């Protein structure tokens, strides 16, 4: 029982991912829509445009909520045309709110 409890606690620990989204993702309401999704899911972090036309998302929070945001990034808002999403797990960083940069 101790092992199952320890494993369950580990899977509930908050996580942070840095995702880079490629495709037609700038000028199509992607950052604002990402913030709306993050707030709805209770995810903290930020979203910002990168100089090369991609969008960077830092998503921190409950594993299920962060996974839901990562899934949403694969399609984004209606005008976006996502061609790829690359995410890396980071050391958890306690953050408050979700900002657009």
PDB file of N, CA and C in Angstrom:
ATOM      1  N   UNK A   1       0.825  -1.192   0.000  1.00  0.00           N
ATOM      2  CA  UNK A   1       0.000   0.000   0.000  1.00  0.00           C
ATOM      3  C   UNK A   1       0.867   1.252   0.000  1.00  0.00           C
ATOM      4  N   UNK A   2       1.956   1.265   0.729  1.00  0.00           N
ATOM      5  CA  UNK A   2       2.838   2.418   0.767  1.00  0.00           C
ATOM      6  C   UNK A   2       3.353   2.783  -0.608  1.00  0.00           C
ATOM      7  N   UNK A   3       3.704   1.763  -1.429  1.00  0.00           N
ATOM      8  CA  UNK A   3       4.208   2.045  -2.765  1.00  0.00           C
ATOM      9  C   UNK A   3       3.137   2.694  -3.629  1.00  0.00           C
ATOM     10  N   UNK A   4       1.916   2.180  -3.578  1.00  0.00           N
ATOM     11  CA  UNK A   4       0.840   2.734  -4.390  1.00  0.00           C
ATOM     12  C   UNK A   4       0.562   4.180  -3.991  1.00  0.00           C
ATOM     13  N   UNK A   5       0.586   4.452  -2.686  1.00  0.00           N
ATOM     14  CA  UNK A   5       0.337   5.813  -2.231  1.00  0.00           C
ATOM     15  C   UNK A   5       1.449   6.743  -2.694  1.00  0.00           C
ATOM     16  N   UNK A   6       2.680   6.293  -2.583  1.00  0.00           N
ATOM     17  CA  UNK A   6       3.804   7.121  -3.017  1.00  0.00           C
ATOM     18  C   UNK A   6       3.733   7.375  -4.520  1.00  0.00           C
ATOM     19  N   UNK A   7       3.378   6.348  -5.300  1.00  0.00           N
ATOM     20  CA  UNK A   7       3.265   6.527  -6.746  1.00  0.00           C
ATOM     21  C   UNK A   7       2.131   7.483  -7.083  1.00  0.00           C
ATOM     22  N   UNK A   8       1.007   7.347  -6.392  1.00  0.00           N
ATOM     23  CA  UNK A   8      -0.129   8.236  -6.641  1.00  0.00           C
ATOM     24  C   UNK A   8       0.224   9.671  -6.337  1.00  0.00           C
ATOM     25  N   UNK A   9       0.952   9.884  -5.229  1.00  0.00           N
ATOM     26  CA  UNK A   9       1.349  11.241  -4.863  1.00  0.00           C
ATOM     27  C   UNK A   9       2.290  11.817  -5.913  1.00  0.00           C
ATOM     28  N   UNK A  10       3.182  10.991  -6.430  1.00  0.00           N
ATOM     29  CA  UNK A  10       4.133  11.466  -7.435  1.00  0.00           C
ATOM     30  C   UNK A  10       3.412  11.900  -8.708  1.00  0.00           C
ATOM     31  N   UNK A  11       2.369  11.183  -9.095  1.00  0.00           N
ATOM     32  CA  UNK A  11       1.661  11.538 -10.328  1.00  0.00           C
ATOM     33  C   UNK A  11       0.800  12.780 -10.148  1.00  0.00           C
ATOM     34  N   UNK A  12       0.484  13.151  -8.917  1.00  0.00           N
ATOM     35  CA  UNK A  12      -0.317  14.345  -8.660  1.00  0.00           C
ATOM     36  C   UNK A  12       0.541  15.587  -8.451  1.00  0.00           C
ATOM     37  N   UNK A  13       1.856  15.413  -8.378  1.00  0.00           N
ATOM     38  CA  UNK A  13       2.751  16.555  -8.152  1.00  0.00           C
ATOM     39  C   UNK A  13       2.666  17.512  -9.331  1.00  0.00           C
ATOM     40  N   UNK A  14       2.652  18.817  -9.051  1.00  0.00           N
ATOM     41  CA  UNK A  14       2.582  19.785 -10.155  1.00  0.00           C
ATOM     42  C   UNK A  14       3.781  19.668 -11.082  1.00  0.00           C
ATOM     43  N   UNK A  15       3.555  20.008 -12.340  1.00  0.00           N
ATOM     44  CA  UNK A  15       4.589  19.917 -13.373  1.00  0.00           C
ATOM     45  C   UNK A  15       4.673  21.230 -14.137  1.00  0.00           C
ATOM     46  N   UNK A  16       5.781  21.414 -14.834  1.00  0.00           N
ATOM     47  CA  UNK A  16       5.955  22.547 -15.756  1.00  0.00           C
ATOM     48  C   UNK A  16       6.487  22.017 -17.080  1.00  0.00           C
ATOM     49  N   UNK A  17       5.925  22.494 -18.167  1.00  0.00           N
ATOM     50  CA  UNK A  17       6.411  22.172 -19.501  1.00  0.00           C
ATOM     51  C   UNK A  17       6.657  23.460 -20.263  1.00  0.00           C
ATOM     52  N   UNK A  18       7.723  23.467 -21.052  1.00  0.00           N
ATOM     53  CA  UNK A  18       7.962  24.537 -22.023  1.00  0.00           C
ATOM     54  C   UNK A  18       7.651  23.942 -23.380  1.00  0.00           C
ATOM     55  N   UNK A  19       6.686  24.535 -24.056  1.00  0.00           N
ATOM     56  CA  UNK A  19       6.283  24.050 -25.378  1.00  0.00           C
ATOM     57  C   UNK A  19       6.545  25.142 -26.412  1.00  0.00           C
ATOM     58  N   UNK A  20       6.998  24.719 -27.570  1.00  0.00           N
ATOM     59  CA  UNK A  20       7.186  25.629 -28.693  1.00  0.00           C
ATOM     60  C   UNK A  20       6.259  25.159 -29.808  1.00  0.00           C
ATOM     61  N   UNK A  21       5.401  26.065 -30.249  1.00  0.00           N
ATOM     62  CA  UNK A  21       4.371  25.744 -31.230  1.00  0.00           C
ATOM     63  C   UNK A  21       4.759  26.362 -32.568  1.00  0.00           C
ATOM     64  N   UNK A  22       4.762  25.538 -33.611  1.00  0.00           N
ATOM     65  CA  UNK A  22       5.131  25.974 -34.966  1.00  0.00           C
ATOM     66  C   UNK A  22       3.907  26.004 -35.865  1.00  0.00           C
ATOM     67  N   UNK A  23       4.024  26.763 -36.951  1.00  0.00           N
ATOM     68  CA  UNK A  23       2.958  26.850 -37.942  1.00  0.00           C
ATOM     69  C   UNK A  23       2.484  28.282 -38.065  1.00  0.00           C
ATOM     70  N   UNK A  24       1.240  28.428 -38.466  1.00  0.00           N
ATOM     71  CA  UNK A  24       0.631  29.776 -38.554  1.00  0.00           C
ATOM     72  C   UNK A  24       0.038  30.067 -37.181  1.00  0.00           C
ATOM     73  N   UNK A  25       0.888  30.601 -36.294  1.00  0.00           N
ATOM     74  CA  UNK A  25       0.487  30.771 -34.900  1.00  0.00           C
ATOM     75  C   UNK A  25       0.687  32.200 -34.387  1.00  0.00           C
ATOM     76  N   UNK A  26       1.123  33.104 -35.245  1.00  0.00           N
ATOM     77  CA  UNK A  26       1.210  34.510 -34.856  1.00  0.00           C
ATOM     78  C   UNK A  26       0.212  35.297 -35.695  1.00  0.00           C
ATOM     79  N   UNK A  27      -0.438  36.262 -35.046  1.00  0.00           N
ATOM     80  CA  UNK A  27      -1.425  37.087 -35.740  1.00  0.00           C
ATOM     81  C   UNK A  27      -2.764  36.403 -35.921  1.00  0.00           C
ATOM     82  N   UNK A  28      -3.007  35.344 -35.156  1.00  0.00           N
ATOM     83  CA  UNK A  28      -4.267  34.596 -35.292  1.00  0.00           C
ATOM     84  C   UNK A  28      -4.939  34.385 -33.933  1.00  0.00           C
ATOM     85  N   UNK A  29      -4.655  35.298 -32.969  1.00  0.00           N
ATOM     86  CA  UNK A  29      -5.280  35.245 -31.641  1.00  0.00           C
ATOM     87  C   UNK A  29      -4.763  34.066 -30.815  1.00  0.00           C
ATOM     88  N   UNK A  30      -3.601  33.513 -31.185  1.00  0.00           N
ATOM     89  CA  UNK A  30      -3.088  32.318 -30.506  1.00  0.00           C
ATOM     90  C   UNK A  30      -2.728  32.591 -29.054  1.00  0.00           C
ATOM     91  N   UNK A  31      -2.019  33.682 -28.781  1.00  0.00           N
ATOM     92  CA  UNK A  31      -1.594  33.959 -27.408  1.00  0.00           C
ATOM     93  C   UNK A  31      -2.779  34.211 -26.485  1.00  0.00           C
ATOM     94  N   UNK A  32      -3.716  35.037 -26.912  1.00  0.00           N
ATOM     95  CA  UNK A  32      -4.876  35.338 -26.072  1.00  0.00           C
ATOM     96  C   UNK A  32      -5.726  34.091 -25.839  1.00  0.00           C
ATOM     97  N   UNK A  33      -5.909  33.289 -26.884  1.00  0.00           N
ATOM     98  CA  UNK A  33      -6.700  32.062 -26.751  1.00  0.00           C
ATOM     99  C   UNK A  33      -5.994  31.061 -25.830  1.00  0.00           C
ATOM    100  N   UNK A  34      -4.651  31.009 -25.906  1.00  0.00           N
ATOM    101  CA  UNK A  34      -3.897  30.125 -25.026  1.00  0.00           C
ATOM    102  C   UNK A  34      -4.083  30.555 -23.583  1.00  0.00           C
ATOM    103  N   UNK A  35      -4.036  31.857 -23.330  1.00  0.00           N
ATOM    104  CA  UNK A  35      -4.243  32.356 -21.965  1.00  0.00           C
ATOM    105  C   UNK A  35      -5.637  31.995 -21.474  1.00  0.00           C
ATOM    106  N   UNK A  36      -6.644  32.160 -22.317  1.00  0.00           N
ATOM    107  CA  UNK A  36      -8.018  31.807 -21.917  1.00  0.00           C
ATOM    108  C   UNK A  36      -8.111  30.335 -21.525  1.00  0.00           C
ATOM    109  N   UNK A  37      -7.505  29.467 -22.326  1.00  0.00           N
ATOM    110  CA  UNK A  37      -7.523  28.032 -22.021  1.00  0.00           C
ATOM    111  C   UNK A  37      -6.789  27.749 -20.716  1.00  0.00           C
ATOM    112  N   UNK A  38      -5.626  28.362 -20.536  1.00  0.00           N
ATOM    113  CA  UNK A  38      -4.830  28.144 -19.324  1.00  0.00           C
ATOM    114  C   UNK A  38      -5.594  28.575 -18.079  1.00  0.00           C
ATOM    115  N   UNK A  39      -6.199  29.749 -18.129  1.00  0.00           N
ATOM    116  CA  UNK A  39      -6.962  30.245 -16.979  1.00  0.00           C
ATOM    117  C   UNK A  39      -8.128  29.311 -16.696  1.00  0.00           C
ATOM    118  N   UNK A  40      -8.826  28.878 -17.731  1.00  0.00           N
ATOM    119  CA  UNK A  40      -9.962  27.966 -17.570  1.00  0.00           C
ATOM    120  C   UNK A  40      -9.523  26.663 -16.898  1.00  0.00           C
ATOM    121  N   UNK A  41      -8.308  26.204 -17.226  1.00  0.00           N
ATOM    122  CA  UNK A  41      -7.794  24.942 -16.694  1.00  0.00           C
ATOM    123  C   UNK A  41      -7.060  25.098 -15.358  1.00  0.00           C
ATOM    124  N   UNK A  42      -6.806  26.333 -14.943  1.00  0.00           N
ATOM    125  CA  UNK A  42      -6.064  26.565 -13.708  1.00  0.00           C
ATOM    126  C   UNK A  42      -4.559  26.398 -13.865  1.00  0.00           C
ATOM    127  N   UNK A  43      -4.065  26.590 -15.081  1.00  0.00           N
ATOM    128  CA  UNK A  43      -2.638  26.459 -15.382  1.00  0.00           C
ATOM    129  C   UNK A  43      -1.986  27.836 -15.276  1.00  0.00           C
ATOM    130  N   UNK A  44      -0.784  27.889 -14.710  1.00  0.00           N
ATOM    131  CA  UNK A  44      -0.034  29.137 -14.612  1.00  0.00           C
ATOM    132  C   UNK A  44       1.117  29.116 -15.610  1.00  0.00           C
ATOM    133  N   UNK A  45       1.706  30.296 -15.870  1.00  0.00           N
ATOM    134  CA  UNK A  45       2.843  30.357 -16.787  1.00  0.00           C
ATOM    135  C   UNK A  45       2.767  31.569 -17.682  1.00  0.00           C
ATOM    136  N   UNK A  46       3.196  31.379 -18.940  1.00  0.00           N
ATOM    137  CA  UNK A  46       3.164  32.484 -19.902  1.00  0.00           C
ATOM    138  C   UNK A  46       3.101  31.950 -21.332  1.00  0.00           C
ATOM    139  N   UNK A  47       2.760  32.863 -22.228  1.00  0.00           N
ATOM    140  CA  UNK A  47       2.795  32.592 -23.665  1.00  0.00           C
ATOM    141  C   UNK A  47       3.394  33.823 -24.324  1.00  0.00           C
ATOM    142  N   UNK A  48       4.286  33.600 -25.308  1.00  0.00           N
ATOM    143  CA  UNK A  48       4.899  34.735 -25.993  1.00  0.00           C
ATOM    144  C   UNK A  48       5.299  34.340 -27.405  1.00  0.00           C
ATOM    145  N   UNK A  49       5.320  35.345 -28.280  1.00  0.00           N
ATOM    146  CA  UNK A  49       5.805  35.146 -29.639  1.00  0.00           C
ATOM    147  C   UNK A  49       7.327  35.048 -29.621  1.00  0.00           C
ATOM    148  N   UNK A  50       7.870  34.212 -30.472  1.00  0.00           N
ATOM    149  CA  UNK A  50       9.310  34.128 -30.673  1.00  0.00           C
ATOM    150  C   UNK A  50       9.658  34.840 -31.979  1.00  0.00           C
ATOM    151  N   UNK A  51      10.870  35.364 -32.089  1.00  0.00           N
ATOM    152  CA  UNK A  51      11.259  36.115 -33.293  1.00  0.00           C
ATOM    153  C   UNK A  51      11.167  35.308 -34.584  1.00  0.00           C
ATOM    154  N   UNK A  52      11.254  33.982 -34.503  1.00  0.00           N
ATOM    155  CA  UNK A  52      11.229  33.146 -35.711  1.00  0.00           C
ATOM    156  C   UNK A  52       9.824  32.752 -36.165  1.00  0.00           C
ATOM    157  N   UNK A  53       8.785  33.327 -35.532  1.00  0.00           N
ATOM    158  CA  UNK A  53       7.413  33.047 -35.952  1.00  0.00           C
ATOM    159  C   UNK A  53       6.724  31.963 -35.148  1.00  0.00           C
ATOM    160  N   UNK A  54       7.439  31.315 -34.248  1.00  0.00           N
ATOM    161  CA  UNK A  54       6.824  30.309 -33.387  1.00  0.00           C
ATOM    162  C   UNK A  54       6.308  30.980 -32.115  1.00  0.00           C
ATOM    163  N   UNK A  55       5.589  30.207 -31.298  1.00  0.00           N
ATOM    164  CA  UNK A  55       5.063  30.687 -30.026  1.00  0.00           C
ATOM    165  C   UNK A  55       5.591  29.775 -28.927  1.00  0.00           C
ATOM    166  N   UNK A  56       6.044  30.389 -27.824  1.00  0.00           N
ATOM    167  CA  UNK A  56       6.526  29.636 -26.667  1.00  0.00           C
ATOM    168  C   UNK A  56       5.468  29.689 -25.575  1.00  0.00           C
ATOM    169  N   UNK A  57       5.222  28.526 -24.953  1.00  0.00           N
ATOM    170  CA  UNK A  57       4.262  28.431 -23.860  1.00  0.00           C
ATOM    171  C   UNK A  57       4.956  27.769 -22.678  1.00  0.00           C
ATOM    172  N   UNK A  58       4.888  28.411 -21.513  1.00  0.00           N
ATOM    173  CA  UNK A  58       5.310  27.788 -20.268  1.00  0.00           C
ATOM    174  C   UNK A  58       4.041  27.473 -19.511  1.00  0.00           C
ATOM    175  N   UNK A  59       3.811  26.192 -19.236  1.00  0.00           N
ATOM    176  CA  UNK A  59       2.587  25.747 -18.582  1.00  0.00           C
ATOM    177  C   UNK A  59       2.940  24.981 -17.317  1.00  0.00           C
ATOM    178  N   UNK A  60       2.453  25.454 -16.174  1.00  0.00           N
ATOM    179  CA  UNK A  60       2.732  24.831 -14.882  1.00  0.00           C
ATOM    180  C   UNK A  60       1.425  24.583 -14.142  1.00  0.00           C
ATOM    181  N   UNK A  61       1.361  23.433 -13.465  1.00  0.00           N
ATOM    182  CA  UNK A  61       0.174  23.133 -12.677  1.00  0.00           C
ATOM    183  C   UNK A  61      -0.043  21.650 -12.530  1.00  0.00           C
ATOM    184  N   UNK A  62      -1.281  21.290 -12.242  1.00  0.00           N
ATOM    185  CA  UNK A  62      -1.654  19.888 -12.068  1.00  0.00           C
ATOM    186  C   UNK A  62      -1.407  19.139 -13.376  1.00  0.00           C
ATOM    187  N   UNK A  63      -0.873  17.919 -13.302  1.00  0.00           N
ATOM    188  CA  UNK A  63      -0.534  17.175 -14.526  1.00  0.00           C
ATOM    189  C   UNK A  63      -1.683  17.063 -15.526  1.00  0.00           C
ATOM    190  N   UNK A  64      -2.882  16.787 -15.060  1.00  0.00           N
ATOM    191  CA  UNK A  64      -4.019  16.653 -15.971  1.00  0.00           C
ATOM    192  C   UNK A  64      -4.367  17.952 -16.671  1.00  0.00           C
ATOM    193  N   UNK A  65      -4.294  19.062 -15.936  1.00  0.00           N
ATOM    194  CA  UNK A  65      -4.604  20.365 -16.515  1.00  0.00           C
ATOM    195  C   UNK A  65      -3.543  20.768 -17.536  1.00  0.00           C
ATOM    196  N   UNK A  66      -2.283  20.533 -17.198  1.00  0.00           N
ATOM    197  CA  UNK A  66      -1.205  20.867 -18.132  1.00  0.00           C
ATOM    198  C   UNK A  66      -1.302  19.990 -19.378  1.00  0.00           C
ATOM    199  N   UNK A  67      -1.638  18.720 -19.200  1.00  0.00           N
ATOM    200  CA  UNK A  67      -1.806  17.818 -20.348  1.00  0.00           C
ATOM    201  C   UNK A  67      -2.950  18.298 -21.242  1.00  0.00           C
ATOM    202  N   UNK A  68      -4.035  18.768 -20.641  1.00  0.00           N
ATOM    203  CA  UNK A  68      -5.163  19.271 -21.429  1.00  0.00           C
ATOM    204  C   UNK A  68      -4.750  20.499 -22.231  1.00  0.00           C
ATOM    205  N   UNK A  69      -3.956  21.397 -21.638  1.00  0.00           N
ATOM    206  CA  UNK A  69      -3.489  22.568 -22.380  1.00  0.00           C
ATOM    207  C   UNK A  69      -2.546  22.144 -23.501  1.00  0.00           C
ATOM    208  N   UNK A  70      -1.663  21.206 -23.221  1.00  0.00           N
ATOM    209  CA  UNK A  70      -0.749  20.721 -24.264  1.00  0.00           C
ATOM    210  C   UNK A  70      -1.538  20.102 -25.421  1.00  0.00           C
ATOM    211  N   UNK A  71      -2.587  19.362 -25.130  1.00  0.00           N
ATOM    212  CA  UNK A  71      -3.436  18.799 -26.187  1.00  0.00           C
ATOM    213  C   UNK A  71      -4.082  19.913 -27.002  1.00  0.00           C
ATOM    214  N   UNK A  72      -4.575  20.945 -26.320  1.00  0.00           N
ATOM    215  CA  UNK A  72      -5.227  22.060 -27.007  1.00  0.00           C
ATOM    216  C   UNK A  72      -4.245  22.769 -27.934  1.00  0.00           C
ATOM    217  N   UNK A  73      -2.974  22.872 -27.527  1.00  0.00           N
ATOM    218  CA  UNK A  73      -1.973  23.558 -28.352  1.00  0.00           C
ATOM    219  C   UNK A  73      -1.824  22.918 -29.728  1.00  0.00           C
ATOM    220  N   UNK A  74      -2.144  21.654 -29.856  1.00  0.00           N
ATOM    221  CA  UNK A  74      -2.002  20.956 -31.146  1.00  0.00           C
ATOM    222  C   UNK A  74      -2.936  21.504 -32.220  1.00  0.00           C
ATOM    223  N   UNK A  75      -3.995  22.177 -31.797  1.00  0.00           N
ATOM    224  CA  UNK A  75      -4.902  22.779 -32.783  1.00  0.00           C
ATOM    225  C   UNK A  75      -5.007  24.287 -32.608  1.00  0.00           C
ATOM    226  N   UNK A  76      -5.021  24.764 -31.355  1.00  0.00           N
ATOM    227  CA  UNK A  76      -5.102  26.202 -31.096  1.00  0.00           C
ATOM    228  C   UNK A  76      -6.447  26.776 -31.490  1.00  0.00           C
ATOM    229  N   UNK A  77      -6.522  28.104 -31.637  1.00  0.00           N
ATOM    230  CA  UNK A  77      -7.777  28.749 -32.020  1.00  0.00           C
ATOM    231  C   UNK A  77      -8.092  28.486 -33.493  1.00  0.00           C
ATOM    232  N   UNK A  78      -9.326  28.773 -33.905  1.00  0.00           N
ATOM    233  CA  UNK A  78      -9.768  28.427 -35.265  1.00  0.00           C
ATOM    234  C   UNK A  78      -8.892  28.933 -36.409  1.00  0.00           C
ATOM    235  N   UNK A  79      -8.326  30.129 -36.316  1.00  0.00           N
ATOM    236  CA  UNK A  79      -7.540  30.674 -37.432  1.00  0.00           C
ATOM    237  C   UNK A  79      -6.107  30.138 -37.478  1.00  0.00           C
ATOM    238  N   UNK A  80      -5.670  29.465 -36.423  1.00  0.00           N
ATOM    239  CA  UNK A  80      -4.295  28.936 -36.381  1.00  0.00           C
ATOM    240  C   UNK A  80      -4.187  27.682 -37.241  1.00  0.00           C
ATOM    241  N   UNK A  81      -2.982  27.440 -37.719  1.00  0.00           N
ATOM    242  CA  UNK A  81      -2.661  26.212 -38.450  1.00  0.00           C
ATOM    243  C   UNK A  81      -1.382  25.662 -37.826  1.00  0.00           C
ATOM    244  N   UNK A  82      -1.541  24.832 -36.795  1.00  0.00           N
ATOM    245  CA  UNK A  82      -0.398  24.304 -36.057  1.00  0.00           C
ATOM    246  C   UNK A  82       0.243  23.173 -36.848  1.00  0.00           C
ATOM    247  N   UNK A  83       1.553  23.272 -37.056  1.00  0.00           N
ATOM    248  CA  UNK A  83       2.266  22.212 -37.772  1.00  0.00           C
ATOM    249  C   UNK A  83       3.116  21.365 -36.824  1.00  0.00           C
ATOM    250  N   UNK A  84       3.343  21.848 -35.604  1.00  0.00           N
ATOM    251  CA  UNK A  84       4.123  21.058 -34.660  1.00  0.00           C
ATOM    252  C   UNK A  84       4.112  21.663 -33.274  1.00  0.00           C
ATOM    253  N   UNK A  85       4.220  20.792 -32.266  1.00  0.00           N
ATOM    254  CA  UNK A  85       4.326  21.210 -30.873  1.00  0.00           C
ATOM    255  C   UNK A  85       5.424  20.371 -30.245  1.00  0.00           C
ATOM    256  N   UNK A  86       6.471  21.022 -29.739  1.00  0.00           N
ATOM    257  CA  UNK A  86       7.568  20.331 -29.060  1.00  0.00           C
ATOM    258  C   UNK A  86       7.576  20.789 -27.606  1.00  0.00           C
ATOM    259  N   UNK A  87       7.448  19.834 -26.679  1.00  0.00           N
ATOM    260  CA  UNK A  87       7.388  20.167 -25.258  1.00  0.00           C
ATOM    261  C   UNK A  87       8.502  19.475 -24.493  1.00  0.00           C
ATOM    262  N   UNK A  88       9.065  20.206 -23.552  1.00  0.00           N
ATOM    263  CA  UNK A  88      10.091  19.672 -22.661  1.00  0.00           C
ATOM    264  C   UNK A  88       9.637  19.849 -21.223  1.00  0.00           C
ATOM    265  N   UNK A  89       9.796  18.791 -20.427  1.00  0.00           N
ATOM    266  CA  UNK A  89       9.485  18.848 -19.009  1.00  0.00           C
ATOM    267  C   UNK A  89      10.570  19.645 -18.299  1.00  0.00           C
ATOM    268  N   UNK A  90      10.162  20.584 -17.454  1.00  0.00           N
ATOM    269  CA  UNK A  90      11.088  21.410 -16.685  1.00  0.00           C
ATOM    270  C   UNK A  90      10.934  21.106 -15.203  1.00  0.00           C
ATOM    271  N   UNK A  91      11.871  21.565 -14.417  1.00  0.00           N
ATOM    272  CA  UNK A  91      11.721  21.516 -12.969  1.00  0.00           C
ATOM    273  C   UNK A  91      10.550  22.427 -12.619  1.00  0.00           C
ATOM    274  N   UNK A  92       9.678  21.960 -11.726  1.00  0.00           N
ATOM    275  CA  UNK A  92       8.493  22.740 -11.373  1.00  0.00           C
ATOM    276  C   UNK A  92       8.877  24.101 -10.798  1.00  0.00           C
ATOM    277  N   UNK A  93       8.191  25.133 -11.255  1.00  0.00           N
ATOM    278  CA  UNK A  93       8.366  26.496 -10.770  1.00  0.00           C
ATOM    279  C   UNK A  93       7.004  27.013 -10.313  1.00  0.00           C
ATOM    280  N   UNK A  94       6.872  27.328  -9.038  1.00  0.00           N
ATOM    281  CA  UNK A  94       5.610  27.884  -8.562  1.00  0.00           C
ATOM    282  C   UNK A  94       5.424  29.257  -9.186  1.00  0.00           C
ATOM    283  N   UNK A  95       4.317  29.464  -9.856  1.00  0.00           N
ATOM    284  CA  UNK A  95       4.034  30.732 -10.522  1.00  0.00           C
ATOM    285  C   UNK A  95       2.617  31.145 -10.161  1.00  0.00           C
ATOM    286  N   UNK A  96       2.316  32.415 -10.383  1.00  0.00           N
ATOM    287  CA  UNK A  96       0.941  32.854 -10.189  1.00  0.00           C
ATOM    288  C   UNK A  96       0.467  33.506 -11.478  1.00  0.00           C
ATOM    289  N   UNK A  97      -0.736  33.173 -11.870  1.00  0.00           N
ATOM    290  CA  UNK A  97      -1.324  33.746 -13.068  1.00  0.00           C
ATOM    291  C   UNK A  97      -0.740  33.194 -14.359  1.00  0.00           C
ATOM    292  N   UNK A  98      -1.269  33.688 -15.461  1.00  0.00           N
ATOM    293  CA  UNK A  98      -0.804  33.290 -16.782  1.00  0.00           C
ATOM    294  C   UNK A  98      -0.704  34.554 -17.613  1.00  0.00           C
ATOM    295  N   UNK A  99       0.512  34.884 -18.025  1.00  0.00           N
ATOM    296  CA  UNK A  99       0.735  36.165 -18.712  1.00  0.00           C
ATOM    297  C   UNK A  99       0.941  35.980 -20.210  1.00  0.00           C
ATOM    298  N   UNK A 100       0.654  37.054 -20.936  1.00  0.00           N
ATOM    299  CA  UNK A 100       0.887  37.105 -22.375  1.00  0.00           C
ATOM    300  C   UNK A 100       2.008  38.106 -22.600  1.00  0.00           C
ATOM    301  N   UNK A 101       3.049  37.654 -23.300  1.00  0.00           N
ATOM    302  CA  UNK A 101       4.189  38.528 -23.554  1.00  0.00           C
ATOM    303  C   UNK A 101       4.371  38.780 -25.023  1.00  0.00           C
TER     304      UNK A 101
END
